[in-house]
């Protein structure tokens, strides 16, 4: 009995693997990494719940003004008739909650708590996203340049990042914000615009060092890969290699960093506003509401609970979605 030759085995195997219309077989379709990540992410119910929370918070922040008009409660409207003149506390239980004021009103001035929370969501989202964009721009640029060119550039950048990571950011931020809050104008900006710009700069500038380190490490690894060597051998410029070969491979880590950084900046803005150096009245801020509620929490705990609960749920939603996204983009994850 003669043994089949290798060529005959290949033909036979190819014939067996080829789908035929007679048996109704379909060709096997491959999936891209993006499709695989999305399939894993949508099966993570916890991450999808976090994503739903992010979508709701974003929509509320975008439509904060028309939403407050629909509810009929401007966030800066005083309702002194709803608070007791002697005790400054709202009339009734649960901070004076009623059909008109669903979550009640603030002590002293009687401002609607729900309206202030909705307006505060816009403040938090605007500042955190702007600060994230600043950190993303600086972190990507400096991290890629440092990791790709190495040598003296990498040594200088690494020392600068070490200084920024060891810098007492909170103390510097408090001092800087206290100075600019007393300044009438700076670089043509004044009032609320200047206040927002300084908070965004403090959060974004001192937060980019973490991303720069991540990007630098990834770039050091990617620049030694075969596809980068192939592009370099074909005469591709450094700009083309960075933008076409290295940058697309950084999307995964950067997306995870974004979902973790935005809640961090939301907490940072709230913390600075809580200390009185962040967002200034009459602009609404969750941290500012928590600071004001500290004087009344024994007699009116609901005033403290609502901004704290909203802040907790928002940060939790981002963290849950970020964890799920990280697992979905990690091919070694077993979840």
C-alpha atoms as a PDB file:
ATOM      1  CA  UNK A   1       0.000   0.000   0.000  1.00  0.00           C
ATOM      2  CA  UNK A   2       1.557   3.254  -1.149  1.00  0.00           C
ATOM      3  CA  UNK A   3       1.717   6.228   1.187  1.00  0.00           C
ATOM      4  CA  UNK A   4       0.183   9.493  -0.043  1.00  0.00           C
ATOM      5  CA  UNK A   5       2.652  12.175  -0.995  1.00  0.00           C
ATOM      6  CA  UNK A   6       2.791  15.501   0.914  1.00  0.00           C
ATOM      7  CA  UNK A   7       1.302  17.379  -2.008  1.00  0.00           C
ATOM      8  CA  UNK A   8      -1.658  14.975  -2.126  1.00  0.00           C
ATOM      9  CA  UNK A   9      -2.261  15.490   1.602  1.00  0.00           C
ATOM     10  CA  UNK A  10      -2.356  19.287   1.144  1.00  0.00           C
ATOM     11  CA  UNK A  11      -4.831  19.010  -1.718  1.00  0.00           C
ATOM     12  CA  UNK A  12      -7.030  16.642   0.260  1.00  0.00           C
ATOM     13  CA  UNK A  13      -6.945  18.869   3.305  1.00  0.00           C
ATOM     14  CA  UNK A  14      -7.728  21.957   1.270  1.00  0.00           C
ATOM     15  CA  UNK A  15     -10.626  20.104  -0.360  1.00  0.00           C
ATOM     16  CA  UNK A  16     -12.065  19.097   3.005  1.00  0.00           C
ATOM     17  CA  UNK A  17     -11.690  22.592   4.502  1.00  0.00           C
ATOM     18  CA  UNK A  18     -13.248  24.373   1.547  1.00  0.00           C
ATOM     19  CA  UNK A  19     -16.884  25.261   2.319  1.00  0.00           C
ATOM     20  CA  UNK A  20     -19.405  23.996  -0.223  1.00  0.00           C
ATOM     21  CA  UNK A  21     -22.802  25.399  -1.061  1.00  0.00           C
ATOM     22  CA  UNK A  22     -24.255  21.861  -1.205  1.00  0.00           C
ATOM     23  CA  UNK A  23     -24.002  21.406   2.566  1.00  0.00           C
ATOM     24  CA  UNK A  24     -24.959  25.024   3.308  1.00  0.00           C
ATOM     25  CA  UNK A  25     -21.646  25.749   4.992  1.00  0.00           C
ATOM     26  CA  UNK A  26     -20.523  29.343   5.488  1.00  0.00           C
ATOM     27  CA  UNK A  27     -17.001  30.631   5.251  1.00  0.00           C
ATOM     28  CA  UNK A  28     -15.327  31.368   8.555  1.00  0.00           C
ATOM     29  CA  UNK A  29     -14.999  35.124   8.984  1.00  0.00           C
ATOM     30  CA  UNK A  30     -12.174  36.592  11.021  1.00  0.00           C
ATOM     31  CA  UNK A  31     -12.725  39.343  13.579  1.00  0.00           C
ATOM     32  CA  UNK A  32     -10.607  42.420  14.070  1.00  0.00           C
ATOM     33  CA  UNK A  33      -9.186  43.317  17.475  1.00  0.00           C
ATOM     34  CA  UNK A  34     -11.794  46.066  17.756  1.00  0.00           C
ATOM     35  CA  UNK A  35     -14.624  43.605  17.157  1.00  0.00           C
ATOM     36  CA  UNK A  36     -13.184  41.145  19.675  1.00  0.00           C
ATOM     37  CA  UNK A  37     -12.814  43.890  22.302  1.00  0.00           C
ATOM     38  CA  UNK A  38     -16.366  45.125  21.740  1.00  0.00           C
ATOM     39  CA  UNK A  39     -17.754  41.578  21.945  1.00  0.00           C
ATOM     40  CA  UNK A  40     -15.989  41.006  25.274  1.00  0.00           C
ATOM     41  CA  UNK A  41     -17.020  44.421  26.590  1.00  0.00           C
ATOM     42  CA  UNK A  42     -20.727  44.087  25.814  1.00  0.00           C
ATOM     43  CA  UNK A  43     -20.832  40.760  27.655  1.00  0.00           C
ATOM     44  CA  UNK A  44     -19.487  42.469  30.798  1.00  0.00           C
ATOM     45  CA  UNK A  45     -22.739  43.564  32.469  1.00  0.00           C
ATOM     46  CA  UNK A  46     -20.985  45.548  35.193  1.00  0.00           C
ATOM     47  CA  UNK A  47     -18.968  47.550  32.665  1.00  0.00           C
ATOM     48  CA  UNK A  48     -22.045  48.195  30.541  1.00  0.00           C
ATOM     49  CA  UNK A  49     -23.901  49.438  33.621  1.00  0.00           C
ATOM     50  CA  UNK A  50     -21.016  51.839  34.229  1.00  0.00           C
ATOM     51  CA  UNK A  51     -21.164  52.935  30.595  1.00  0.00           C
ATOM     52  CA  UNK A  52     -24.896  53.603  30.932  1.00  0.00           C
ATOM     53  CA  UNK A  53     -24.197  55.782  33.975  1.00  0.00           C
ATOM     54  CA  UNK A  54     -21.591  57.737  31.972  1.00  0.00           C
ATOM     55  CA  UNK A  55     -24.062  58.294  29.131  1.00  0.00           C
ATOM     56  CA  UNK A  56     -26.763  59.539  31.519  1.00  0.00           C
ATOM     57  CA  UNK A  57     -24.339  61.886  33.291  1.00  0.00           C
ATOM     58  CA  UNK A  58     -23.064  63.226  29.960  1.00  0.00           C
ATOM     59  CA  UNK A  59     -26.560  63.890  28.615  1.00  0.00           C
ATOM     60  CA  UNK A  60     -27.572  65.652  31.823  1.00  0.00           C
ATOM     61  CA  UNK A  61     -24.445  67.819  31.648  1.00  0.00           C
ATOM     62  CA  UNK A  62     -24.960  68.711  27.974  1.00  0.00           C
ATOM     63  CA  UNK A  63     -28.645  69.577  28.397  1.00  0.00           C
ATOM     64  CA  UNK A  64     -28.334  71.094  31.887  1.00  0.00           C
ATOM     65  CA  UNK A  65     -29.804  74.497  30.967  1.00  0.00           C
ATOM     66  CA  UNK A  66     -32.897  73.289  29.036  1.00  0.00           C
ATOM     67  CA  UNK A  67     -33.452  70.570  31.642  1.00  0.00           C
ATOM     68  CA  UNK A  68     -33.558  73.113  34.472  1.00  0.00           C
ATOM     69  CA  UNK A  69     -35.898  75.301  32.418  1.00  0.00           C
ATOM     70  CA  UNK A  70     -38.160  72.300  31.900  1.00  0.00           C
ATOM     71  CA  UNK A  71     -38.218  71.640  35.650  1.00  0.00           C
ATOM     72  CA  UNK A  72     -38.887  75.332  36.292  1.00  0.00           C
ATOM     73  CA  UNK A  73     -36.114  75.759  38.889  1.00  0.00           C
ATOM     74  CA  UNK A  74     -33.178  77.995  37.893  1.00  0.00           C
ATOM     75  CA  UNK A  75     -30.064  76.923  39.851  1.00  0.00           C
ATOM     76  CA  UNK A  76     -29.273  80.462  41.084  1.00  0.00           C
ATOM     77  CA  UNK A  77     -32.803  81.502  42.060  1.00  0.00           C
ATOM     78  CA  UNK A  78     -33.241  82.385  45.741  1.00  0.00           C
ATOM     79  CA  UNK A  79     -36.373  81.086  47.480  1.00  0.00           C
ATOM     80  CA  UNK A  80     -36.083  82.722  50.884  1.00  0.00           C
ATOM     81  CA  UNK A  81     -39.754  82.006  51.566  1.00  0.00           C
ATOM     82  CA  UNK A  82     -38.971  78.277  51.742  1.00  0.00           C
ATOM     83  CA  UNK A  83     -36.545  78.605  54.674  1.00  0.00           C
ATOM     84  CA  UNK A  84     -37.157  79.581  58.278  1.00  0.00           C
ATOM     85  CA  UNK A  85     -35.945  83.095  59.096  1.00  0.00           C
ATOM     86  CA  UNK A  86     -34.755  82.134  62.569  1.00  0.00           C
ATOM     87  CA  UNK A  87     -33.099  78.770  61.892  1.00  0.00           C
ATOM     88  CA  UNK A  88     -32.329  79.286  58.159  1.00  0.00           C
ATOM     89  CA  UNK A  89     -33.437  75.659  57.652  1.00  0.00           C
ATOM     90  CA  UNK A  90     -35.944  74.560  54.959  1.00  0.00           C
ATOM     91  CA  UNK A  91     -39.551  74.068  56.012  1.00  0.00           C
ATOM     92  CA  UNK A  92     -40.741  70.466  56.057  1.00  0.00           C
ATOM     93  CA  UNK A  93     -38.978  67.134  56.000  1.00  0.00           C
ATOM     94  CA  UNK A  94     -36.219  65.953  53.655  1.00  0.00           C
ATOM     95  CA  UNK A  95     -34.866  69.466  53.036  1.00  0.00           C
ATOM     96  CA  UNK A  96     -38.330  70.721  52.153  1.00  0.00           C
ATOM     97  CA  UNK A  97     -38.873  68.259  49.295  1.00  0.00           C
ATOM     98  CA  UNK A  98     -42.099  68.882  47.362  1.00  0.00           C
ATOM     99  CA  UNK A  99     -43.673  68.471  43.944  1.00  0.00           C
ATOM    100  CA  UNK A 100     -41.929  71.666  42.847  1.00  0.00           C
ATOM    101  CA  UNK A 101     -38.579  70.913  44.500  1.00  0.00           C
ATOM    102  CA  UNK A 102     -38.034  67.163  44.196  1.00  0.00           C
ATOM    103  CA  UNK A 103     -34.877  66.974  46.328  1.00  0.00           C
ATOM    104  CA  UNK A 104     -35.642  69.961  48.528  1.00  0.00           C
ATOM    105  CA  UNK A 105     -33.873  73.301  48.839  1.00  0.00           C
ATOM    106  CA  UNK A 106     -30.641  74.533  50.393  1.00  0.00           C
ATOM    107  CA  UNK A 107     -30.599  76.160  53.820  1.00  0.00           C
ATOM    108  CA  UNK A 108     -30.361  79.967  54.054  1.00  0.00           C
ATOM    109  CA  UNK A 109     -30.949  80.865  50.382  1.00  0.00           C
ATOM    110  CA  UNK A 110     -33.523  78.203  49.415  1.00  0.00           C
ATOM    111  CA  UNK A 111     -31.894  77.331  46.084  1.00  0.00           C
ATOM    112  CA  UNK A 112     -33.209  74.147  44.496  1.00  0.00           C
ATOM    113  CA  UNK A 113     -30.865  71.227  45.208  1.00  0.00           C
ATOM    114  CA  UNK A 114     -31.740  69.267  42.053  1.00  0.00           C
ATOM    115  CA  UNK A 115     -31.156  72.309  39.844  1.00  0.00           C
ATOM    116  CA  UNK A 116     -27.774  72.907  41.485  1.00  0.00           C
ATOM    117  CA  UNK A 117     -26.809  69.246  40.996  1.00  0.00           C
ATOM    118  CA  UNK A 118     -27.736  69.372  37.308  1.00  0.00           C
ATOM    119  CA  UNK A 119     -25.789  72.590  36.770  1.00  0.00           C
ATOM    120  CA  UNK A 120     -22.875  71.143  38.766  1.00  0.00           C
ATOM    121  CA  UNK A 121     -22.696  68.144  36.429  1.00  0.00           C
ATOM    122  CA  UNK A 122     -21.970  70.490  33.536  1.00  0.00           C
ATOM    123  CA  UNK A 123     -19.231  72.206  35.542  1.00  0.00           C
ATOM    124  CA  UNK A 124     -17.591  68.922  36.504  1.00  0.00           C
ATOM    125  CA  UNK A 125     -17.764  67.426  33.011  1.00  0.00           C
ATOM    126  CA  UNK A 126     -16.524  70.593  31.295  1.00  0.00           C
ATOM    127  CA  UNK A 127     -13.512  71.002  33.571  1.00  0.00           C
ATOM    128  CA  UNK A 128     -12.582  67.305  33.732  1.00  0.00           C
ATOM    129  CA  UNK A 129     -12.804  66.751  29.950  1.00  0.00           C
ATOM    130  CA  UNK A 130     -10.839  69.936  29.179  1.00  0.00           C
ATOM    131  CA  UNK A 131      -8.156  68.980  31.717  1.00  0.00           C
ATOM    132  CA  UNK A 132      -8.043  65.459  30.281  1.00  0.00           C
ATOM    133  CA  UNK A 133      -7.520  66.827  26.745  1.00  0.00           C
ATOM    134  CA  UNK A 134      -4.642  68.996  28.013  1.00  0.00           C
ATOM    135  CA  UNK A 135      -3.034  66.039  29.800  1.00  0.00           C
ATOM    136  CA  UNK A 136      -3.618  63.780  26.788  1.00  0.00           C
ATOM    137  CA  UNK A 137      -1.950  66.228  24.399  1.00  0.00           C
ATOM    138  CA  UNK A 138       1.088  66.792  26.614  1.00  0.00           C
ATOM    139  CA  UNK A 139       1.396  63.163  27.727  1.00  0.00           C
ATOM    140  CA  UNK A 140       1.184  61.670  24.227  1.00  0.00           C
ATOM    141  CA  UNK A 141       3.558  64.196  22.672  1.00  0.00           C
ATOM    142  CA  UNK A 142       6.221  64.059  25.363  1.00  0.00           C
ATOM    143  CA  UNK A 143       5.912  60.296  25.935  1.00  0.00           C
ATOM    144  CA  UNK A 144       6.248  59.394  22.237  1.00  0.00           C
ATOM    145  CA  UNK A 145       9.134  61.790  21.617  1.00  0.00           C
ATOM    146  CA  UNK A 146      10.977  60.532  24.689  1.00  0.00           C
ATOM    147  CA  UNK A 147      10.447  56.842  23.944  1.00  0.00           C
ATOM    148  CA  UNK A 148      11.096  57.039  20.212  1.00  0.00           C
ATOM    149  CA  UNK A 149      14.246  59.168  20.137  1.00  0.00           C
ATOM    150  CA  UNK A 150      15.703  57.962  23.471  1.00  0.00           C
ATOM    151  CA  UNK A 151      19.235  59.183  24.266  1.00  0.00           C
ATOM    152  CA  UNK A 152      19.655  62.660  25.763  1.00  0.00           C
ATOM    153  CA  UNK A 153      16.037  63.599  25.025  1.00  0.00           C
ATOM    154  CA  UNK A 154      14.772  60.632  26.999  1.00  0.00           C
ATOM    155  CA  UNK A 155      17.123  61.360  29.927  1.00  0.00           C
ATOM    156  CA  UNK A 156      15.988  65.000  30.204  1.00  0.00           C
ATOM    157  CA  UNK A 157      12.298  64.140  29.872  1.00  0.00           C
ATOM    158  CA  UNK A 158      12.561  61.358  32.448  1.00  0.00           C
ATOM    159  CA  UNK A 159      14.050  63.738  35.024  1.00  0.00           C
ATOM    160  CA  UNK A 160      11.335  66.320  34.350  1.00  0.00           C
ATOM    161  CA  UNK A 161       8.648  63.686  34.844  1.00  0.00           C
ATOM    162  CA  UNK A 162      10.284  62.604  38.105  1.00  0.00           C
ATOM    163  CA  UNK A 163      10.134  66.197  39.374  1.00  0.00           C
ATOM    164  CA  UNK A 164       6.483  66.593  38.393  1.00  0.00           C
ATOM    165  CA  UNK A 165       5.515  63.296  40.020  1.00  0.00           C
ATOM    166  CA  UNK A 166       7.267  64.320  43.252  1.00  0.00           C
ATOM    167  CA  UNK A 167       5.853  67.874  43.222  1.00  0.00           C
ATOM    168  CA  UNK A 168       3.389  68.833  46.024  1.00  0.00           C
ATOM    169  CA  UNK A 169       0.569  69.459  43.559  1.00  0.00           C
ATOM    170  CA  UNK A 170      -2.203  70.149  46.080  1.00  0.00           C
ATOM    171  CA  UNK A 171      -0.286  72.833  47.955  1.00  0.00           C
ATOM    172  CA  UNK A 172       0.833  74.489  44.718  1.00  0.00           C
ATOM    173  CA  UNK A 173      -2.704  74.331  43.297  1.00  0.00           C
ATOM    174  CA  UNK A 174      -4.203  75.960  46.398  1.00  0.00           C
ATOM    175  CA  UNK A 175      -1.611  78.760  46.321  1.00  0.00           C
ATOM    176  CA  UNK A 176      -1.969  79.329  42.566  1.00  0.00           C
ATOM    177  CA  UNK A 177      -5.767  79.344  42.621  1.00  0.00           C
ATOM    178  CA  UNK A 178      -5.874  81.646  45.645  1.00  0.00           C
ATOM    179  CA  UNK A 179      -3.685  84.151  43.780  1.00  0.00           C
ATOM    180  CA  UNK A 180      -5.648  84.079  40.522  1.00  0.00           C
ATOM    181  CA  UNK A 181      -9.017  84.230  42.303  1.00  0.00           C
ATOM    182  CA  UNK A 182      -7.938  87.642  43.599  1.00  0.00           C
ATOM    183  CA  UNK A 183      -6.691  88.774  40.177  1.00  0.00           C
ATOM    184  CA  UNK A 184      -9.153  90.866  38.114  1.00  0.00           C
ATOM    185  CA  UNK A 185      -7.828  89.542  34.767  1.00  0.00           C
ATOM    186  CA  UNK A 186      -5.007  87.567  33.174  1.00  0.00           C
ATOM    187  CA  UNK A 187      -4.186  87.182  29.468  1.00  0.00           C
ATOM    188  CA  UNK A 188      -7.514  88.744  28.559  1.00  0.00           C
ATOM    189  CA  UNK A 189      -9.488  86.341  30.746  1.00  0.00           C
ATOM    190  CA  UNK A 190     -11.460  87.362  33.800  1.00  0.00           C
ATOM    191  CA  UNK A 191     -14.250  86.213  36.071  1.00  0.00           C
ATOM    192  CA  UNK A 192     -15.598  82.718  35.532  1.00  0.00           C
ATOM    193  CA  UNK A 193     -13.513  82.162  32.378  1.00  0.00           C
ATOM    194  CA  UNK A 194     -10.270  82.860  34.261  1.00  0.00           C
ATOM    195  CA  UNK A 195     -11.387  80.680  37.168  1.00  0.00           C
ATOM    196  CA  UNK A 196     -12.182  77.736  34.889  1.00  0.00           C
ATOM    197  CA  UNK A 197      -8.935  78.170  32.920  1.00  0.00           C
ATOM    198  CA  UNK A 198      -6.771  78.084  36.057  1.00  0.00           C
ATOM    199  CA  UNK A 199      -8.531  74.990  37.451  1.00  0.00           C
ATOM    200  CA  UNK A 200      -8.176  73.214  34.081  1.00  0.00           C
ATOM    201  CA  UNK A 201      -4.488  74.145  33.866  1.00  0.00           C
ATOM    202  CA  UNK A 202      -3.731  72.945  37.405  1.00  0.00           C
ATOM    203  CA  UNK A 203      -5.469  69.592  36.885  1.00  0.00           C
ATOM    204  CA  UNK A 204      -4.298  69.006  33.303  1.00  0.00           C
ATOM    205  CA  UNK A 205      -0.691  70.153  33.537  1.00  0.00           C
ATOM    206  CA  UNK A 206       0.189  68.312  36.729  1.00  0.00           C
ATOM    207  CA  UNK A 207      -1.627  65.170  35.594  1.00  0.00           C
ATOM    208  CA  UNK A 208       0.064  64.519  32.257  1.00  0.00           C
ATOM    209  CA  UNK A 209       3.219  62.977  33.780  1.00  0.00           C
ATOM    210  CA  UNK A 210       1.432  59.686  34.532  1.00  0.00           C
ATOM    211  CA  UNK A 211       0.308  59.277  30.915  1.00  0.00           C
ATOM    212  CA  UNK A 212       3.721  60.348  29.600  1.00  0.00           C
ATOM    213  CA  UNK A 213       5.362  57.529  31.548  1.00  0.00           C
ATOM    214  CA  UNK A 214       2.887  54.958  30.214  1.00  0.00           C
ATOM    215  CA  UNK A 215       3.294  56.147  26.625  1.00  0.00           C
ATOM    216  CA  UNK A 216       7.095  56.304  26.942  1.00  0.00           C
ATOM    217  CA  UNK A 217       7.262  52.683  28.101  1.00  0.00           C
ATOM    218  CA  UNK A 218       4.928  51.478  25.346  1.00  0.00           C
ATOM    219  CA  UNK A 219       6.852  53.433  22.692  1.00  0.00           C
ATOM    220  CA  UNK A 220      10.200  51.985  23.826  1.00  0.00           C
ATOM    221  CA  UNK A 221       8.734  48.524  23.225  1.00  0.00           C
ATOM    222  CA  UNK A 222       6.927  49.307  19.967  1.00  0.00           C
ATOM    223  CA  UNK A 223       9.906  50.966  18.259  1.00  0.00           C
ATOM    224  CA  UNK A 224      11.741  47.618  18.372  1.00  0.00           C
ATOM    225  CA  UNK A 225       8.932  45.657  16.707  1.00  0.00           C
ATOM    226  CA  UNK A 226       9.297  44.105  13.255  1.00  0.00           C
ATOM    227  CA  UNK A 227       6.616  46.257  11.601  1.00  0.00           C
ATOM    228  CA  UNK A 228       8.469  49.417  12.665  1.00  0.00           C
ATOM    229  CA  UNK A 229      11.744  48.014  11.270  1.00  0.00           C
ATOM    230  CA  UNK A 230       9.937  47.155   8.046  1.00  0.00           C
ATOM    231  CA  UNK A 231       8.541  50.683   7.723  1.00  0.00           C
ATOM    232  CA  UNK A 232      11.970  52.164   8.436  1.00  0.00           C
ATOM    233  CA  UNK A 233      13.603  49.900   5.824  1.00  0.00           C
ATOM    234  CA  UNK A 234      11.076  51.126   3.223  1.00  0.00           C
ATOM    235  CA  UNK A 235      12.235  54.693   3.826  1.00  0.00           C
ATOM    236  CA  UNK A 236       9.353  55.907   6.003  1.00  0.00           C
ATOM    237  CA  UNK A 237      10.018  59.142   7.873  1.00  0.00           C
ATOM    238  CA  UNK A 238       9.946  59.394  11.660  1.00  0.00           C
ATOM    239  CA  UNK A 239       6.657  61.306  11.469  1.00  0.00           C
ATOM    240  CA  UNK A 240       5.024  58.572   9.394  1.00  0.00           C
ATOM    241  CA  UNK A 241       6.316  55.810  11.669  1.00  0.00           C
ATOM    242  CA  UNK A 242       5.041  57.622  14.768  1.00  0.00           C
ATOM    243  CA  UNK A 243       1.609  58.494  13.344  1.00  0.00           C
ATOM    244  CA  UNK A 244       0.951  55.353  11.271  1.00  0.00           C
ATOM    245  CA  UNK A 245       2.729  52.584  13.165  1.00  0.00           C
ATOM    246  CA  UNK A 246       3.195  53.545  16.822  1.00  0.00           C
ATOM    247  CA  UNK A 247       0.239  55.829  17.629  1.00  0.00           C
ATOM    248  CA  UNK A 248      -2.509  53.353  16.546  1.00  0.00           C
ATOM    249  CA  UNK A 249      -1.009  50.747  18.900  1.00  0.00           C
ATOM    250  CA  UNK A 250      -1.324  53.171  21.831  1.00  0.00           C
ATOM    251  CA  UNK A 251      -5.088  53.580  21.509  1.00  0.00           C
ATOM    252  CA  UNK A 252      -5.897  50.763  23.953  1.00  0.00           C
ATOM    253  CA  UNK A 253      -3.803  52.004  26.911  1.00  0.00           C
ATOM    254  CA  UNK A 254      -4.834  55.607  26.228  1.00  0.00           C
ATOM    255  CA  UNK A 255      -8.553  54.753  26.246  1.00  0.00           C
ATOM    256  CA  UNK A 256      -8.183  53.004  29.599  1.00  0.00           C
ATOM    257  CA  UNK A 257      -6.225  55.984  30.936  1.00  0.00           C
ATOM    258  CA  UNK A 258      -8.996  58.364  29.817  1.00  0.00           C
ATOM    259  CA  UNK A 259     -11.725  56.422  31.632  1.00  0.00           C
ATOM    260  CA  UNK A 260      -9.645  56.464  34.818  1.00  0.00           C
ATOM    261  CA  UNK A 261      -8.465  60.079  34.544  1.00  0.00           C
ATOM    262  CA  UNK A 262     -11.812  61.810  33.994  1.00  0.00           C
ATOM    263  CA  UNK A 263     -13.239  60.664  37.378  1.00  0.00           C
ATOM    264  CA  UNK A 264      -9.929  61.589  39.008  1.00  0.00           C
ATOM    265  CA  UNK A 265     -10.241  65.109  37.635  1.00  0.00           C
ATOM    266  CA  UNK A 266     -13.897  65.270  38.698  1.00  0.00           C
ATOM    267  CA  UNK A 267     -12.778  64.456  42.234  1.00  0.00           C
ATOM    268  CA  UNK A 268      -9.918  66.951  41.898  1.00  0.00           C
ATOM    269  CA  UNK A 269     -12.237  69.780  40.868  1.00  0.00           C
ATOM    270  CA  UNK A 270     -14.680  68.892  43.643  1.00  0.00           C
ATOM    271  CA  UNK A 271     -11.866  68.795  46.190  1.00  0.00           C
ATOM    272  CA  UNK A 272     -10.534  72.214  45.179  1.00  0.00           C
ATOM    273  CA  UNK A 273     -14.054  73.670  45.240  1.00  0.00           C
ATOM    274  CA  UNK A 274     -14.633  72.073  48.643  1.00  0.00           C
ATOM    275  CA  UNK A 275     -11.531  73.880  49.936  1.00  0.00           C
ATOM    276  CA  UNK A 276     -12.880  77.162  48.549  1.00  0.00           C
ATOM    277  CA  UNK A 277     -10.213  77.752  45.879  1.00  0.00           C
ATOM    278  CA  UNK A 278     -11.864  75.980  42.944  1.00  0.00           C
ATOM    279  CA  UNK A 279     -15.071  76.998  41.191  1.00  0.00           C
ATOM    280  CA  UNK A 280     -16.465  80.163  42.753  1.00  0.00           C
ATOM    281  CA  UNK A 281     -20.111  81.126  43.345  1.00  0.00           C
ATOM    282  CA  UNK A 282     -22.557  81.622  41.750  1.00  0.00           C
ATOM    283  CA  UNK A 283     -21.338  78.786  39.495  1.00  0.00           C
ATOM    284  CA  UNK A 284     -22.642  75.435  40.713  1.00  0.00           C
ATOM    285  CA  UNK A 285     -20.193  72.738  41.808  1.00  0.00           C
ATOM    286  CA  UNK A 286     -20.664  69.470  43.656  1.00  0.00           C
ATOM    287  CA  UNK A 287     -17.617  70.154  45.834  1.00  0.00           C
ATOM    288  CA  UNK A 288     -18.954  73.596  46.673  1.00  0.00           C
ATOM    289  CA  UNK A 289     -22.299  72.081  47.702  1.00  0.00           C
ATOM    290  CA  UNK A 290     -20.519  69.565  49.948  1.00  0.00           C
ATOM    291  CA  UNK A 291     -18.571  72.403  51.560  1.00  0.00           C
ATOM    292  CA  UNK A 292     -21.746  74.388  52.235  1.00  0.00           C
ATOM    293  CA  UNK A 293     -23.542  71.296  53.537  1.00  0.00           C
ATOM    294  CA  UNK A 294     -20.834  70.720  56.146  1.00  0.00           C
ATOM    295  CA  UNK A 295     -22.323  73.452  58.327  1.00  0.00           C
ATOM    296  CA  UNK A 296     -25.824  71.979  58.307  1.00  0.00           C
ATOM    297  CA  UNK A 297     -25.410  68.195  58.085  1.00  0.00           C
ATOM    298  CA  UNK A 298     -26.537  67.596  61.685  1.00  0.00           C
ATOM    299  CA  UNK A 299     -29.870  69.339  61.094  1.00  0.00           C
ATOM    300  CA  UNK A 300     -30.212  68.722  57.363  1.00  0.00           C
ATOM    301  CA  UNK A 301     -28.350  65.525  56.339  1.00  0.00           C
ATOM    302  CA  UNK A 302     -30.140  65.311  52.972  1.00  0.00           C
ATOM    303  CA  UNK A 303     -28.336  68.434  51.774  1.00  0.00           C
ATOM    304  CA  UNK A 304     -25.038  66.611  52.315  1.00  0.00           C
ATOM    305  CA  UNK A 305     -26.236  63.259  50.995  1.00  0.00           C
ATOM    306  CA  UNK A 306     -27.360  64.270  47.499  1.00  0.00           C
ATOM    307  CA  UNK A 307     -24.148  65.846  46.127  1.00  0.00           C
ATOM    308  CA  UNK A 308     -22.084  63.134  47.829  1.00  0.00           C
ATOM    309  CA  UNK A 309     -24.231  60.388  46.291  1.00  0.00           C
ATOM    310  CA  UNK A 310     -24.124  61.886  42.792  1.00  0.00           C
ATOM    311  CA  UNK A 311     -20.353  62.324  42.993  1.00  0.00           C
ATOM    312  CA  UNK A 312     -19.947  58.737  44.202  1.00  0.00           C
ATOM    313  CA  UNK A 313     -22.141  57.261  41.439  1.00  0.00           C
ATOM    314  CA  UNK A 314     -20.437  59.276  38.709  1.00  0.00           C
ATOM    315  CA  UNK A 315     -16.928  58.261  39.740  1.00  0.00           C
ATOM    316  CA  UNK A 316     -18.054  54.652  40.253  1.00  0.00           C
ATOM    317  CA  UNK A 317     -19.551  54.525  36.737  1.00  0.00           C
ATOM    318  CA  UNK A 318     -16.293  55.674  35.152  1.00  0.00           C
ATOM    319  CA  UNK A 319     -14.231  53.229  37.211  1.00  0.00           C
ATOM    320  CA  UNK A 320     -16.476  50.250  36.421  1.00  0.00           C
ATOM    321  CA  UNK A 321     -16.448  51.033  32.720  1.00  0.00           C
ATOM    322  CA  UNK A 322     -12.686  51.610  32.794  1.00  0.00           C
ATOM    323  CA  UNK A 323     -12.058  48.223  34.433  1.00  0.00           C
ATOM    324  CA  UNK A 324     -14.258  46.489  31.868  1.00  0.00           C
ATOM    325  CA  UNK A 325     -12.584  48.286  28.985  1.00  0.00           C
ATOM    326  CA  UNK A 326      -9.156  47.331  30.285  1.00  0.00           C
ATOM    327  CA  UNK A 327     -10.148  43.652  30.485  1.00  0.00           C
ATOM    328  CA  UNK A 328     -11.719  43.763  27.015  1.00  0.00           C
ATOM    329  CA  UNK A 329      -8.579  45.228  25.436  1.00  0.00           C
ATOM    330  CA  UNK A 330      -6.222  42.842  27.241  1.00  0.00           C
ATOM    331  CA  UNK A 331      -5.861  39.619  25.198  1.00  0.00           C
ATOM    332  CA  UNK A 332      -4.414  37.820  28.234  1.00  0.00           C
ATOM    333  CA  UNK A 333      -7.445  38.535  30.391  1.00  0.00           C
ATOM    334  CA  UNK A 334      -9.623  35.549  31.282  1.00  0.00           C
ATOM    335  CA  UNK A 335     -12.709  37.583  32.172  1.00  0.00           C
END
